[in-house]
N, C-alpha and C. Protein backbone atom coordinates (compact mmCIF):
# COMPACT_ATOMS: atom_id res chain seq x y z
N MET A 1 -5.64 29.73 -8.39
CA MET A 1 -4.13 29.22 -8.38
C MET A 1 -3.94 28.35 -6.98
N PHE A 2 -4.56 29.21 -6.34
CA PHE A 2 -4.74 28.33 -4.38
C PHE A 2 -5.48 27.38 -4.37
N VAL A 3 -6.56 27.19 -5.17
CA VAL A 3 -7.69 26.01 -5.07
C VAL A 3 -6.67 24.80 -5.82
N GLY A 4 -5.75 24.80 -6.47
CA GLY A 4 -5.12 24.02 -7.09
C GLY A 4 -3.84 23.56 -6.06
N LEU A 5 -3.41 24.69 -5.88
CA LEU A 5 -2.29 24.34 -4.65
C LEU A 5 -3.00 23.24 -3.60
N TYR A 6 -4.18 23.89 -3.06
CA TYR A 6 -4.49 22.99 -2.24
C TYR A 6 -4.89 21.88 -2.15
N GLU A 7 -5.56 21.44 -3.25
CA GLU A 7 -5.66 19.84 -4.09
C GLU A 7 -4.51 19.26 -3.68
N TRP A 8 -3.57 19.88 -4.28
CA TRP A 8 -2.14 19.01 -4.62
C TRP A 8 -1.96 18.83 -3.10
N PHE A 9 -1.32 19.53 -2.22
CA PHE A 9 -1.48 19.19 -0.82
C PHE A 9 -2.41 17.87 -0.25
N TYR A 10 -3.38 18.47 -0.45
CA TYR A 10 -4.67 17.56 -0.27
C TYR A 10 -4.28 15.94 -0.31
N ASP A 11 -4.10 15.75 -2.22
CA ASP A 11 -3.65 14.72 -2.49
C ASP A 11 -2.53 13.77 -1.92
N VAL A 12 -1.27 14.76 -1.32
CA VAL A 12 -0.09 14.42 -1.39
C VAL A 12 -0.18 14.27 -0.03
N PHE A 13 -0.86 14.66 0.93
CA PHE A 13 -0.68 14.50 2.38
C PHE A 13 -1.84 14.03 3.45
N VAL A 14 -2.82 14.23 2.34
CA VAL A 14 -4.22 13.76 3.74
C VAL A 14 -4.92 12.43 2.32
N ALA A 15 -5.06 12.30 1.41
CA ALA A 15 -5.77 11.25 0.71
C ALA A 15 -4.61 10.26 0.46
N GLN A 16 -3.56 10.34 0.78
CA GLN A 16 -2.68 8.91 0.01
C GLN A 16 -2.14 8.36 2.21
N TRP A 17 -2.82 9.17 2.95
CA TRP A 17 -2.46 8.70 4.17
C TRP A 17 -2.67 7.57 4.60
N ASP A 18 -1.96 6.58 5.08
CA ASP A 18 -1.89 5.14 5.21
C ASP A 18 -0.71 4.62 6.51
N PHE A 19 -0.49 3.65 6.68
CA PHE A 19 0.40 3.06 7.54
C PHE A 19 1.96 3.54 7.27
N TRP A 20 1.89 3.08 5.81
CA TRP A 20 3.18 3.12 5.30
C TRP A 20 3.37 4.91 5.30
N VAL A 21 2.56 5.60 4.82
CA VAL A 21 3.46 6.88 4.95
C VAL A 21 3.97 7.18 6.59
N LEU A 22 3.17 7.02 7.13
CA LEU A 22 3.58 7.36 8.74
C LEU A 22 4.90 6.27 8.79
N TRP A 23 5.07 5.44 8.52
CA TRP A 23 6.05 4.45 8.28
C TRP A 23 7.40 5.78 8.01
N GLY A 24 6.80 5.96 6.76
CA GLY A 24 8.34 6.51 5.94
C GLY A 24 8.61 8.14 6.53
N PHE A 25 7.44 8.94 7.21
CA PHE A 25 7.71 10.22 8.48
C PHE A 25 8.06 9.63 9.71
N VAL A 26 8.38 8.70 10.27
CA VAL A 26 9.05 8.04 11.25
C VAL A 26 10.62 8.03 10.74
N ALA A 27 10.81 7.47 9.82
CA ALA A 27 11.57 6.69 9.02
C ALA A 27 12.68 8.21 9.02
N GLN A 28 11.97 9.05 8.18
CA GLN A 28 12.80 10.66 7.86
C GLN A 28 12.88 11.03 9.04
N PHE A 29 12.20 10.99 9.89
CA PHE A 29 12.75 11.98 11.58
C PHE A 29 13.84 11.31 12.15
N MET A 30 13.90 9.62 12.21
CA MET A 30 14.65 9.13 12.89
C MET A 30 16.11 9.11 12.24
N PHE A 31 16.28 9.09 10.62
CA PHE A 31 17.16 9.56 9.60
C PHE A 31 17.77 11.13 10.13
N MET A 32 16.84 12.29 10.10
CA MET A 32 17.33 13.03 10.49
C MET A 32 17.85 13.41 11.86
N MET A 33 17.62 12.90 13.21
CA MET A 33 18.25 12.88 14.39
C MET A 33 19.39 13.04 13.98
N ARG A 34 20.30 11.82 13.27
CA ARG A 34 21.45 11.65 12.96
C ARG A 34 22.05 12.75 13.36
N PHE A 35 21.73 13.83 12.36
CA PHE A 35 22.42 14.94 12.18
C PHE A 35 22.26 15.98 13.32
N MET A 36 21.33 15.49 14.27
CA MET A 36 20.82 16.85 15.41
C MET A 36 22.27 16.17 15.84
N ILE A 37 22.52 14.94 16.55
CA ILE A 37 23.57 13.94 17.14
C ILE A 37 24.86 15.03 16.68
N GLN A 38 24.69 14.80 15.52
CA GLN A 38 26.94 15.19 15.12
C GLN A 38 26.69 16.45 15.45
N TRP A 39 25.47 17.52 15.16
CA TRP A 39 25.71 18.81 15.58
C TRP A 39 25.99 19.37 16.94
N ILE A 40 24.93 18.43 18.00
CA ILE A 40 25.54 18.92 19.38
C ILE A 40 26.71 18.15 19.60
N ALA A 41 27.20 17.10 19.39
CA ALA A 41 27.90 16.70 19.73
C ALA A 41 29.26 17.55 19.31
N SER A 42 28.98 18.26 17.97
CA SER A 42 30.33 19.23 17.72
C SER A 42 30.34 20.12 18.66
N GLU A 43 29.22 20.78 18.54
CA GLU A 43 29.06 22.01 19.21
C GLU A 43 29.56 21.93 20.67
N ARG A 44 29.19 20.75 21.60
CA ARG A 44 29.80 20.76 23.04
C ARG A 44 31.30 20.80 22.83
N VAL A 45 31.93 20.04 21.88
CA VAL A 45 33.83 20.10 22.02
C VAL A 45 34.76 21.13 20.81
N GLY A 46 33.45 22.29 20.10
CA GLY A 46 33.54 22.99 19.51
C GLY A 46 34.54 22.51 18.36
N ARG A 47 34.70 21.54 17.62
CA ARG A 47 34.98 21.20 16.23
C ARG A 47 34.25 20.02 15.88
N SER A 48 34.08 19.58 14.41
CA SER A 48 33.08 18.71 13.78
C SER A 48 33.75 17.39 13.98
N ILE A 49 33.03 16.78 14.72
CA ILE A 49 33.12 15.06 15.24
C ILE A 49 31.67 14.11 14.72
N VAL A 50 32.17 13.10 14.66
CA VAL A 50 31.11 12.23 14.36
C VAL A 50 30.80 11.09 15.47
N PRO A 51 29.80 11.07 16.44
CA PRO A 51 29.47 10.51 17.29
C PRO A 51 29.05 9.18 17.06
N VAL A 52 29.52 8.02 17.69
CA VAL A 52 28.88 6.45 17.35
C VAL A 52 27.37 6.68 16.83
N ALA A 53 26.51 7.42 17.89
CA ALA A 53 25.07 7.43 17.84
C ALA A 53 25.07 8.00 16.43
N PHE A 54 25.54 8.83 15.72
CA PHE A 54 25.41 9.29 14.26
C PHE A 54 24.92 7.77 13.36
N TRP A 55 25.74 6.70 14.01
CA TRP A 55 25.53 5.56 12.92
C TRP A 55 24.57 4.67 13.43
N PHE A 56 24.40 4.64 14.52
CA PHE A 56 23.22 3.85 14.92
C PHE A 56 21.90 4.36 14.18
N PHE A 57 21.48 5.75 14.42
CA PHE A 57 20.42 6.65 13.90
C PHE A 57 20.46 6.15 12.49
N SER A 58 21.55 6.41 11.72
CA SER A 58 21.73 6.00 10.49
C SER A 58 21.18 4.74 9.87
N ILE A 59 21.63 3.88 10.91
CA ILE A 59 21.13 2.59 10.31
C ILE A 59 19.76 2.20 10.84
N GLY A 60 19.25 2.93 11.81
CA GLY A 60 17.80 2.74 12.10
C GLY A 60 17.10 3.62 10.91
N GLY A 61 17.27 4.80 10.76
CA GLY A 61 16.51 5.56 10.13
C GLY A 61 16.62 4.84 8.26
N GLY A 62 17.88 4.63 8.00
CA GLY A 62 18.28 4.25 6.46
C GLY A 62 17.35 2.98 6.68
N SER A 63 17.45 1.51 7.76
CA SER A 63 16.36 0.54 7.37
C SER A 63 15.22 0.87 7.25
N LEU A 64 14.66 1.48 8.12
CA LEU A 64 13.13 2.20 7.91
C LEU A 64 12.75 2.55 6.52
N LEU A 65 13.87 3.32 6.05
CA LEU A 65 13.46 4.21 4.69
C LEU A 65 13.67 3.13 3.85
N LEU A 66 14.41 1.98 4.02
CA LEU A 66 14.78 0.81 2.88
C LEU A 66 13.08 0.32 2.85
N THR A 67 13.02 -0.22 4.10
CA THR A 67 11.42 -1.09 3.99
C THR A 67 10.61 -0.20 3.41
N TYR A 68 10.27 1.00 3.47
CA TYR A 68 9.35 2.01 2.85
C TYR A 68 9.74 1.86 1.85
N ALA A 69 10.82 2.22 1.05
CA ALA A 69 11.17 2.58 -0.14
C ALA A 69 10.73 0.90 -1.21
N ILE A 70 11.01 -0.09 -0.53
CA ILE A 70 10.62 -1.84 -0.83
C ILE A 70 9.36 -1.74 -1.14
N VAL A 71 8.07 -1.48 -0.04
CA VAL A 71 7.53 -1.31 -0.38
C VAL A 71 6.51 -0.08 -1.30
N LYS A 72 6.59 0.70 -1.67
CA LYS A 72 6.66 1.35 -2.46
C LYS A 72 7.14 1.70 -3.88
N LYS A 73 8.28 0.64 -4.04
CA LYS A 73 8.93 0.10 -4.92
C LYS A 73 9.61 0.93 -5.74
N ASP A 74 10.43 1.89 -5.11
CA ASP A 74 11.10 2.90 -5.58
C ASP A 74 12.71 2.71 -5.91
N PRO A 75 13.12 2.46 -6.68
CA PRO A 75 14.53 1.69 -7.19
C PRO A 75 15.20 2.99 -6.75
N VAL A 76 15.46 3.86 -6.88
CA VAL A 76 16.04 4.88 -6.46
C VAL A 76 16.38 5.04 -4.96
N PHE A 77 15.20 4.83 -4.02
CA PHE A 77 15.47 4.72 -2.75
C PHE A 77 16.03 3.46 -2.25
N ILE A 78 15.95 2.68 -2.81
CA ILE A 78 16.30 1.30 -2.57
C ILE A 78 17.52 1.11 -3.14
N ALA A 79 18.10 1.52 -4.11
CA ALA A 79 19.64 1.90 -4.05
C ALA A 79 20.20 2.21 -3.20
N GLY A 80 19.96 3.57 -2.98
CA GLY A 80 20.20 4.47 -2.04
C GLY A 80 20.53 3.92 -0.93
N GLN A 81 19.47 3.61 -0.08
CA GLN A 81 19.41 3.39 1.35
C GLN A 81 20.49 1.82 1.43
N GLY A 82 20.25 1.10 0.13
CA GLY A 82 20.72 -0.31 0.15
C GLY A 82 22.41 -0.22 0.58
N LEU A 83 23.28 0.95 -0.71
CA LEU A 83 24.08 0.98 -0.33
C LEU A 83 24.79 2.31 1.19
N GLY A 84 23.89 2.61 1.26
CA GLY A 84 24.14 3.70 2.53
C GLY A 84 24.42 2.56 3.61
N LEU A 85 23.36 1.51 4.00
CA LEU A 85 23.31 0.71 4.99
C LEU A 85 25.19 0.19 5.66
N ILE A 86 25.10 -0.64 3.91
CA ILE A 86 26.61 -1.02 3.81
C ILE A 86 27.90 -0.28 4.89
N ILE A 87 27.27 1.05 4.54
CA ILE A 87 28.61 1.87 4.77
C ILE A 87 28.45 2.53 6.58
N TYR A 88 27.21 2.18 6.47
CA TYR A 88 27.10 2.65 8.24
C TYR A 88 27.31 1.58 8.62
N PHE A 89 27.18 0.64 8.44
CA PHE A 89 27.38 -1.09 9.48
C PHE A 89 29.13 -1.12 9.07
N ARG A 90 29.37 -0.76 7.95
CA ARG A 90 31.29 -0.96 7.65
C ARG A 90 32.17 0.43 8.87
N ASN A 91 31.27 1.61 8.77
CA ASN A 91 32.15 2.54 9.95
C ASN A 91 31.74 2.01 11.52
N LEU A 92 30.35 1.37 11.76
CA LEU A 92 30.24 1.17 12.97
C LEU A 92 31.36 -0.07 12.99
N TRP A 93 31.77 -1.27 12.12
CA TRP A 93 32.48 -2.20 12.30
C TRP A 93 34.17 -1.98 12.61
N LEU A 94 34.62 -0.59 11.94
CA LEU A 94 35.86 -0.10 12.02
C LEU A 94 36.01 0.36 13.34
N ILE A 95 35.01 1.26 14.12
CA ILE A 95 34.73 1.60 15.13
C ILE A 95 34.98 0.54 16.58
N TYR A 96 34.35 -0.33 16.01
CA TYR A 96 34.36 -1.62 17.15
C TYR A 96 35.99 -2.11 16.95
N LYS A 97 36.56 -2.02 15.81
CA LYS A 97 37.86 -2.84 16.03
C LYS A 97 38.71 -2.05 16.39
N GLU A 98 38.78 -0.53 16.16
CA GLU A 98 39.70 0.25 17.00
C GLU A 98 39.35 0.33 18.55
N ASN A 99 38.52 0.20 18.70
CA ASN A 99 38.07 0.22 20.28
C ASN A 99 38.38 -1.51 20.81
N ARG A 100 38.58 -2.22 20.35
CA ARG A 100 39.12 -3.71 20.77
C ARG A 100 40.07 -3.61 21.19
N GLN A 101 41.09 -2.81 20.18
CA GLN A 101 42.50 -3.03 20.60
C GLN A 101 42.76 -1.85 21.63
N ASP A 102 42.02 -1.32 22.16
CA ASP A 102 42.25 -0.34 23.12
C ASP A 102 41.83 -1.09 24.30
N PRO A 103 43.09 -0.87 25.19
CA PRO A 103 42.99 -2.18 26.87
C PRO A 103 41.90 -1.55 27.24
N ASN A 104 41.50 -0.24 27.21
CA ASN A 104 40.38 -0.08 28.43
C ASN A 104 38.83 -0.01 27.74
N PHE A 105 39.23 -1.10 26.87
CA PHE A 105 37.45 -1.08 25.92
C PHE A 105 36.83 -2.15 26.82
């Protein structure tokens, strides 16, 4: 049983290791950091908030993951990250429009 599990882990995490796997891990880490940013910002003010940095990490991680998905030809990831990027850019545009109307911006 453990031999089969070892072989599976080896095949997944060692035998397939290449530039794109590293790219995918960097992308996933960057994408995960947006949740850390949101959590820390919310803890500081004692309520749930979504800071602008959340959307920038979303775009960075989403772009890297979309590139990874295209290289790996994964249609589920391509569709998911592609739609996500539209939402992230839209949120930044809405924030920009709101701040542009602020005389202190």
